[in-house]
Amino acid sequence: MRPPALAALLVALAMAASACGGDADEDGGGQTGSAAGVTQAQADEAMGGLCDIAAGELTDMADVHEAFHGRAHEALHAVAAEVQEVDPVVAGALLEAKAVVEADLEEETPPPDLQGHAVNLVAAYSDALLAIGLVPADCLLPI
């Protein structure tokens, strides 16, 4: 049963990666495994963007897009690539949570589920950071 589950995960990862096609490393360096080299500062900046969305305080979609695409999106891909080498299941969970938030961002106004989806993405991102030896920044979320 394990090989079919792994195959399904790999297909999901390939689909998630292609869904964001064209936004791979703009400097031409590519994002492969540890070569992506996400720094703690980059991880923290991305977490800040995700936390801003998860806190539910961003009411304008332009601000939500800036927090996601401007601060977090590239790091999410780089971390997923690094995690894939260490723990494909964690990488798959991260890409799946990212895809859900991306679907929310297609709306004209923040959908009601966006905050919860962003909280799930924060959790998946935290797990992924831990898997590659980085420390997830604290994210103060309303309870």
N, C-alpha and C. Protein backbone atom coordinates (compact mmCIF):
# COMPACT_ATOMS: atom_id res chain seq x y z
N MET A 1 0.82 -1.21 0.00
CA MET A 1 0.00 0.00 0.00
C MET A 1 0.86 1.27 0.00
N ARG A 2 2.02 1.18 0.53
CA ARG A 2 2.89 2.34 0.61
C ARG A 2 3.32 2.88 -0.76
N PRO A 3 3.74 2.05 -1.74
CA PRO A 3 4.13 2.60 -3.04
C PRO A 3 3.03 3.39 -3.73
N PRO A 4 1.75 2.94 -3.74
CA PRO A 4 0.73 3.77 -4.39
C PRO A 4 0.55 5.12 -3.68
N ALA A 5 0.67 5.14 -2.36
CA ALA A 5 0.54 6.40 -1.64
C ALA A 5 1.67 7.34 -2.01
N LEU A 6 2.89 6.81 -2.12
CA LEU A 6 4.03 7.63 -2.52
C LEU A 6 3.85 8.13 -3.94
N ALA A 7 3.36 7.27 -4.82
CA ALA A 7 3.13 7.68 -6.21
C ALA A 7 2.09 8.80 -6.27
N ALA A 8 1.05 8.68 -5.48
CA ALA A 8 0.01 9.72 -5.46
C ALA A 8 0.58 11.04 -4.95
N LEU A 9 1.43 10.95 -3.94
CA LEU A 9 2.06 12.16 -3.40
C LEU A 9 2.95 12.81 -4.45
N LEU A 10 3.72 12.01 -5.15
CA LEU A 10 4.61 12.57 -6.17
C LEU A 10 3.82 13.23 -7.29
N VAL A 11 2.70 12.64 -7.67
CA VAL A 11 1.84 13.26 -8.69
C VAL A 11 1.28 14.58 -8.16
N ALA A 12 0.85 14.59 -6.90
CA ALA A 12 0.32 15.83 -6.30
C ALA A 12 1.40 16.90 -6.25
N LEU A 13 2.61 16.52 -5.90
CA LEU A 13 3.71 17.49 -5.85
C LEU A 13 3.99 18.06 -7.24
N ALA A 14 4.01 17.20 -8.23
CA ALA A 14 4.26 17.66 -9.60
C ALA A 14 3.16 18.61 -10.06
N MET A 15 1.92 18.29 -9.73
CA MET A 15 0.80 19.16 -10.11
C MET A 15 0.89 20.49 -9.40
N ALA A 16 1.20 20.47 -8.11
CA ALA A 16 1.30 21.72 -7.35
C ALA A 16 2.44 22.58 -7.89
N ALA A 17 3.54 21.97 -8.22
CA ALA A 17 4.67 22.73 -8.75
C ALA A 17 4.34 23.34 -10.09
N SER A 18 3.63 22.60 -10.93
CA SER A 18 3.30 23.13 -12.25
C SER A 18 2.20 24.18 -12.17
N ALA A 19 1.40 24.16 -11.13
CA ALA A 19 0.32 25.14 -10.99
C ALA A 19 0.87 26.55 -10.86
N CYS A 20 2.07 26.65 -10.36
CA CYS A 20 2.71 27.95 -10.20
C CYS A 20 3.79 28.16 -11.24
N GLY A 21 3.75 27.41 -12.30
CA GLY A 21 4.80 27.45 -13.32
C GLY A 21 5.17 28.85 -13.71
N GLY A 22 6.41 29.02 -14.09
CA GLY A 22 6.87 30.32 -14.53
C GLY A 22 7.36 31.19 -13.42
N ASP A 23 7.13 30.85 -12.17
CA ASP A 23 7.62 31.71 -11.10
C ASP A 23 8.82 31.08 -10.41
N ALA A 24 9.41 30.09 -11.06
CA ALA A 24 10.63 29.51 -10.51
C ALA A 24 11.69 30.58 -10.50
N ASP A 25 12.65 30.36 -9.72
CA ASP A 25 13.78 31.24 -9.53
C ASP A 25 14.01 32.20 -10.70
N GLU A 26 13.79 33.47 -10.49
CA GLU A 26 13.93 34.43 -11.55
C GLU A 26 15.38 34.74 -11.85
N ASP A 27 16.30 34.41 -10.94
CA ASP A 27 17.69 34.69 -11.20
C ASP A 27 18.36 33.58 -12.00
N GLY A 28 17.57 32.57 -12.39
CA GLY A 28 18.07 31.50 -13.23
C GLY A 28 18.81 30.41 -12.48
N GLY A 29 18.89 30.52 -11.17
CA GLY A 29 19.64 29.55 -10.39
C GLY A 29 18.91 28.25 -10.19
N GLY A 30 17.60 28.23 -10.34
CA GLY A 30 16.82 27.02 -10.11
C GLY A 30 16.65 26.74 -8.64
N GLN A 31 15.67 25.92 -8.31
CA GLN A 31 15.41 25.58 -6.93
C GLN A 31 15.45 24.08 -6.79
N THR A 32 16.59 23.54 -6.47
CA THR A 32 16.71 22.11 -6.33
C THR A 32 17.31 21.77 -4.99
N GLY A 33 16.59 20.95 -4.24
CA GLY A 33 17.08 20.46 -2.96
C GLY A 33 17.68 21.54 -2.10
N SER A 34 18.76 21.20 -1.42
CA SER A 34 19.41 22.12 -0.51
C SER A 34 20.07 23.28 -1.23
N ALA A 35 20.24 23.18 -2.54
CA ALA A 35 20.86 24.26 -3.29
C ALA A 35 20.03 25.54 -3.23
N ALA A 36 18.72 25.39 -2.95
CA ALA A 36 17.87 26.57 -2.85
C ALA A 36 18.31 27.43 -1.67
N GLY A 37 18.81 26.80 -0.61
CA GLY A 37 19.42 27.50 0.51
C GLY A 37 18.57 28.58 1.14
N VAL A 38 17.38 28.26 1.60
CA VAL A 38 16.53 29.24 2.27
C VAL A 38 17.19 29.64 3.58
N THR A 39 17.35 30.93 3.76
CA THR A 39 17.96 31.43 4.99
C THR A 39 16.89 31.61 6.07
N GLN A 40 17.33 31.74 7.30
CA GLN A 40 16.39 31.99 8.40
C GLN A 40 15.65 33.30 8.18
N ALA A 41 16.36 34.31 7.68
CA ALA A 41 15.72 35.61 7.43
C ALA A 41 14.63 35.50 6.37
N GLN A 42 14.89 34.73 5.31
CA GLN A 42 13.88 34.53 4.27
C GLN A 42 12.69 33.75 4.82
N ALA A 43 12.97 32.74 5.63
CA ALA A 43 11.90 31.96 6.24
C ALA A 43 11.04 32.84 7.15
N ASP A 44 11.69 33.72 7.90
CA ASP A 44 10.97 34.62 8.81
C ASP A 44 10.10 35.62 8.04
N GLU A 45 10.64 36.16 6.96
CA GLU A 45 9.88 37.12 6.14
C GLU A 45 8.63 36.45 5.57
N ALA A 46 8.80 35.25 5.06
CA ALA A 46 7.66 34.52 4.51
C ALA A 46 6.63 34.23 5.60
N MET A 47 7.10 33.80 6.77
CA MET A 47 6.17 33.52 7.86
C MET A 47 5.42 34.78 8.25
N GLY A 48 6.09 35.92 8.22
CA GLY A 48 5.42 37.18 8.52
C GLY A 48 4.25 37.45 7.58
N GLY A 49 4.46 37.21 6.30
CA GLY A 49 3.38 37.39 5.33
C GLY A 49 2.23 36.44 5.58
N LEU A 50 2.57 35.19 5.85
CA LEU A 50 1.52 34.19 6.13
C LEU A 50 0.76 34.53 7.42
N CYS A 51 1.50 34.97 8.43
CA CYS A 51 0.86 35.33 9.70
C CYS A 51 -0.09 36.51 9.53
N ASP A 52 0.31 37.47 8.70
CA ASP A 52 -0.57 38.62 8.44
C ASP A 52 -1.90 38.15 7.85
N ILE A 53 -1.84 37.19 6.96
CA ILE A 53 -3.07 36.65 6.36
C ILE A 53 -3.85 35.85 7.39
N ALA A 54 -3.15 34.98 8.12
CA ALA A 54 -3.81 34.11 9.10
C ALA A 54 -4.44 34.89 10.24
N ALA A 55 -3.90 36.05 10.56
CA ALA A 55 -4.46 36.86 11.64
C ALA A 55 -5.83 37.43 11.27
N GLY A 56 -6.14 37.43 9.98
CA GLY A 56 -7.45 37.89 9.54
C GLY A 56 -7.61 39.40 9.54
N GLU A 57 -6.51 40.11 9.63
CA GLU A 57 -6.58 41.58 9.71
C GLU A 57 -6.50 42.26 8.34
N LEU A 58 -6.13 41.50 7.31
CA LEU A 58 -6.04 42.07 5.96
C LEU A 58 -7.41 41.94 5.29
N THR A 59 -8.02 43.06 4.99
CA THR A 59 -9.37 43.03 4.42
C THR A 59 -9.37 43.37 2.93
N ASP A 60 -8.29 43.91 2.44
CA ASP A 60 -8.18 44.26 1.04
C ASP A 60 -7.38 43.18 0.31
N MET A 61 -7.91 42.67 -0.80
CA MET A 61 -7.23 41.59 -1.51
C MET A 61 -5.86 42.00 -2.01
N ALA A 62 -5.66 43.27 -2.32
CA ALA A 62 -4.33 43.72 -2.74
C ALA A 62 -3.32 43.50 -1.62
N ASP A 63 -3.74 43.76 -0.38
CA ASP A 63 -2.85 43.54 0.76
C ASP A 63 -2.60 42.05 0.98
N VAL A 64 -3.63 41.24 0.80
CA VAL A 64 -3.50 39.79 0.94
C VAL A 64 -2.54 39.26 -0.12
N HIS A 65 -2.71 39.72 -1.35
CA HIS A 65 -1.81 39.28 -2.43
C HIS A 65 -0.38 39.70 -2.15
N GLU A 66 -0.17 40.89 -1.65
CA GLU A 66 1.18 41.35 -1.33
C GLU A 66 1.79 40.49 -0.23
N ALA A 67 1.01 40.19 0.79
CA ALA A 67 1.52 39.35 1.88
C ALA A 67 1.90 37.96 1.38
N PHE A 68 1.08 37.42 0.49
CA PHE A 68 1.34 36.07 -0.01
C PHE A 68 2.38 36.06 -1.12
N HIS A 69 2.09 36.75 -2.20
CA HIS A 69 2.98 36.70 -3.36
C HIS A 69 4.25 37.53 -3.15
N GLY A 70 4.13 38.65 -2.48
CA GLY A 70 5.28 39.52 -2.29
C GLY A 70 6.23 39.06 -1.20
N ARG A 71 5.71 38.36 -0.20
CA ARG A 71 6.56 38.02 0.94
C ARG A 71 6.77 36.52 1.12
N ALA A 72 5.82 35.68 0.72
CA ALA A 72 5.89 34.28 1.11
C ALA A 72 6.04 33.29 -0.04
N HIS A 73 5.46 33.56 -1.17
CA HIS A 73 5.31 32.57 -2.23
C HIS A 73 6.64 31.94 -2.67
N GLU A 74 7.63 32.73 -2.96
CA GLU A 74 8.92 32.20 -3.43
C GLU A 74 9.56 31.32 -2.35
N ALA A 75 9.51 31.76 -1.11
CA ALA A 75 10.10 30.96 -0.03
C ALA A 75 9.34 29.65 0.16
N LEU A 76 8.02 29.66 -0.03
CA LEU A 76 7.25 28.43 0.10
C LEU A 76 7.74 27.38 -0.91
N HIS A 77 7.98 27.82 -2.14
CA HIS A 77 8.48 26.90 -3.15
C HIS A 77 9.88 26.40 -2.81
N ALA A 78 10.74 27.30 -2.37
CA ALA A 78 12.11 26.92 -2.04
C ALA A 78 12.14 25.95 -0.86
N VAL A 79 11.35 26.23 0.16
CA VAL A 79 11.29 25.33 1.32
C VAL A 79 10.72 23.98 0.90
N ALA A 80 9.68 23.97 0.09
CA ALA A 80 9.10 22.70 -0.37
C ALA A 80 10.14 21.88 -1.12
N ALA A 81 10.95 22.53 -1.93
CA ALA A 81 11.99 21.82 -2.68
C ALA A 81 13.02 21.22 -1.73
N GLU A 82 13.41 21.98 -0.72
CA GLU A 82 14.37 21.46 0.25
C GLU A 82 13.77 20.32 1.07
N VAL A 83 12.54 20.47 1.49
CA VAL A 83 11.89 19.46 2.32
C VAL A 83 11.66 18.18 1.52
N GLN A 84 11.41 18.31 0.24
CA GLN A 84 11.18 17.13 -0.60
C GLN A 84 12.34 16.14 -0.46
N GLU A 85 13.54 16.65 -0.31
CA GLU A 85 14.73 15.80 -0.16
C GLU A 85 14.75 15.07 1.18
N VAL A 86 14.14 15.66 2.19
CA VAL A 86 14.19 15.13 3.55
C VAL A 86 12.94 14.35 3.93
N ASP A 87 11.78 14.93 3.59
CA ASP A 87 10.50 14.33 4.00
C ASP A 87 9.42 14.69 2.98
N PRO A 88 9.23 13.83 1.98
CA PRO A 88 8.25 14.12 0.92
C PRO A 88 6.82 14.32 1.44
N VAL A 89 6.47 13.67 2.52
CA VAL A 89 5.11 13.83 3.06
C VAL A 89 4.91 15.25 3.58
N VAL A 90 5.90 15.78 4.29
CA VAL A 90 5.82 17.15 4.79
C VAL A 90 5.80 18.13 3.62
N ALA A 91 6.60 17.86 2.60
CA ALA A 91 6.60 18.72 1.41
C ALA A 91 5.23 18.71 0.74
N GLY A 92 4.63 17.54 0.64
CA GLY A 92 3.30 17.43 0.03
C GLY A 92 2.25 18.20 0.82
N ALA A 93 2.32 18.10 2.14
CA ALA A 93 1.36 18.84 2.99
C ALA A 93 1.52 20.34 2.81
N LEU A 94 2.77 20.79 2.71
CA LEU A 94 3.02 22.22 2.50
C LEU A 94 2.46 22.68 1.16
N LEU A 95 2.73 21.94 0.10
CA LEU A 95 2.24 22.33 -1.22
C LEU A 95 0.72 22.27 -1.31
N GLU A 96 0.13 21.30 -0.63
CA GLU A 96 -1.33 21.21 -0.63
C GLU A 96 -1.95 22.40 0.09
N ALA A 97 -1.42 22.76 1.24
CA ALA A 97 -1.94 23.91 1.99
C ALA A 97 -1.74 25.20 1.20
N LYS A 98 -0.61 25.31 0.51
CA LYS A 98 -0.34 26.49 -0.32
C LYS A 98 -1.35 26.58 -1.45
N ALA A 99 -1.65 25.46 -2.08
CA ALA A 99 -2.60 25.44 -3.19
C ALA A 99 -3.99 25.88 -2.75
N VAL A 100 -4.39 25.51 -1.54
CA VAL A 100 -5.70 25.91 -1.03
C VAL A 100 -5.76 27.43 -0.86
N VAL A 101 -4.69 28.02 -0.30
CA VAL A 101 -4.67 29.47 -0.14
C VAL A 101 -4.63 30.15 -1.50
N GLU A 102 -3.87 29.60 -2.43
CA GLU A 102 -3.84 30.18 -3.77
C GLU A 102 -5.22 30.18 -4.42
N ALA A 103 -5.99 29.14 -4.20
CA ALA A 103 -7.35 29.10 -4.73
C ALA A 103 -8.20 30.20 -4.10
N ASP A 104 -8.01 30.44 -2.81
CA ASP A 104 -8.73 31.52 -2.14
C ASP A 104 -8.37 32.88 -2.74
N LEU A 105 -7.12 33.02 -3.16
CA LEU A 105 -6.65 34.31 -3.69
C LEU A 105 -7.21 34.63 -5.07
N GLU A 106 -7.90 33.69 -5.67
CA GLU A 106 -8.53 33.94 -6.96
C GLU A 106 -9.83 34.72 -6.81
N GLU A 107 -10.31 34.86 -5.59
CA GLU A 107 -11.55 35.59 -5.33
C GLU A 107 -11.30 37.10 -5.36
N GLU A 108 -12.37 37.87 -5.56
CA GLU A 108 -12.25 39.32 -5.59
C GLU A 108 -12.16 39.93 -4.19
N THR A 109 -12.77 39.26 -3.23
CA THR A 109 -12.70 39.69 -1.83
C THR A 109 -12.23 38.49 -1.01
N PRO A 110 -11.65 38.75 0.16
CA PRO A 110 -11.19 37.61 0.97
C PRO A 110 -12.35 36.67 1.30
N PRO A 111 -12.24 35.40 0.89
CA PRO A 111 -13.32 34.46 1.21
C PRO A 111 -13.34 34.14 2.70
N PRO A 112 -14.48 33.71 3.22
CA PRO A 112 -14.60 33.46 4.66
C PRO A 112 -13.63 32.41 5.19
N ASP A 113 -13.23 31.46 4.36
CA ASP A 113 -12.33 30.40 4.79
C ASP A 113 -10.85 30.76 4.70
N LEU A 114 -10.53 31.92 4.14
CA LEU A 114 -9.13 32.28 3.92
C LEU A 114 -8.31 32.24 5.22
N GLN A 115 -8.83 32.80 6.28
CA GLN A 115 -8.08 32.84 7.53
C GLN A 115 -7.75 31.42 8.02
N GLY A 116 -8.72 30.54 8.02
CA GLY A 116 -8.49 29.17 8.45
C GLY A 116 -7.52 28.44 7.54
N HIS A 117 -7.64 28.68 6.25
CA HIS A 117 -6.72 28.06 5.31
C HIS A 117 -5.30 28.58 5.52
N ALA A 118 -5.18 29.88 5.82
CA ALA A 118 -3.86 30.45 6.08
C ALA A 118 -3.26 29.90 7.37
N VAL A 119 -4.10 29.67 8.38
CA VAL A 119 -3.62 29.06 9.63
C VAL A 119 -3.07 27.66 9.33
N ASN A 120 -3.77 26.91 8.49
CA ASN A 120 -3.29 25.58 8.10
C ASN A 120 -1.96 25.68 7.35
N LEU A 121 -1.82 26.70 6.50
CA LEU A 121 -0.58 26.88 5.77
C LEU A 121 0.56 27.25 6.72
N VAL A 122 0.28 28.08 7.71
CA VAL A 122 1.29 28.42 8.72
C VAL A 122 1.79 27.15 9.41
N ALA A 123 0.86 26.27 9.77
CA ALA A 123 1.24 25.02 10.44
C ALA A 123 2.08 24.13 9.53
N ALA A 124 1.68 24.00 8.27
CA ALA A 124 2.42 23.17 7.33
C ALA A 124 3.80 23.77 7.05
N TYR A 125 3.87 25.08 6.95
CA TYR A 125 5.14 25.77 6.72
C TYR A 125 6.06 25.59 7.93
N SER A 126 5.49 25.69 9.13
CA SER A 126 6.28 25.48 10.35
C SER A 126 6.88 24.08 10.38
N ASP A 127 6.07 23.08 10.05
CA ASP A 127 6.56 21.70 10.01
C ASP A 127 7.70 21.56 8.99
N ALA A 128 7.53 22.20 7.83
CA ALA A 128 8.54 22.11 6.78
C ALA A 128 9.84 22.79 7.21
N LEU A 129 9.72 23.93 7.86
CA LEU A 129 10.93 24.62 8.33
C LEU A 129 11.68 23.76 9.33
N LEU A 130 10.96 23.16 10.24
CA LEU A 130 11.60 22.30 11.23
C LEU A 130 12.30 21.12 10.55
N ALA A 131 11.70 20.60 9.49
CA ALA A 131 12.26 19.45 8.79
C ALA A 131 13.60 19.78 8.12
N ILE A 132 13.82 21.05 7.78
CA ILE A 132 15.09 21.43 7.15
C ILE A 132 16.01 22.17 8.11
N GLY A 133 15.66 22.16 9.38
CA GLY A 133 16.55 22.72 10.39
C GLY A 133 16.43 24.21 10.62
N LEU A 134 15.35 24.81 10.17
CA LEU A 134 15.10 26.22 10.45
C LEU A 134 14.07 26.34 11.55
N VAL A 135 14.06 27.49 12.20
CA VAL A 135 13.14 27.71 13.32
C VAL A 135 11.96 28.55 12.83
N PRO A 136 10.74 28.03 12.95
CA PRO A 136 9.57 28.84 12.53
C PRO A 136 9.41 30.05 13.44
N ALA A 137 9.21 31.21 12.84
CA ALA A 137 8.94 32.41 13.61
C ALA A 137 7.59 32.28 14.30
N ASP A 138 7.47 32.91 15.45
CA ASP A 138 6.20 32.91 16.15
C ASP A 138 5.16 33.65 15.34
N CYS A 139 3.97 33.13 15.37
CA CYS A 139 2.86 33.71 14.63
C CYS A 139 1.74 33.93 15.63
N LEU A 140 1.52 35.18 16.00
CA LEU A 140 0.47 35.47 16.97
C LEU A 140 -0.86 35.56 16.25
N LEU A 141 -1.67 34.53 16.50
CA LEU A 141 -2.98 34.42 15.83
C LEU A 141 -4.09 34.56 16.85
N PRO A 142 -5.21 35.17 16.44
CA PRO A 142 -6.36 35.22 17.35
C PRO A 142 -6.87 33.82 17.63
N ILE A 143 -7.25 33.60 18.84
CA ILE A 143 -7.74 32.26 19.23
C ILE A 143 -9.25 32.24 19.25
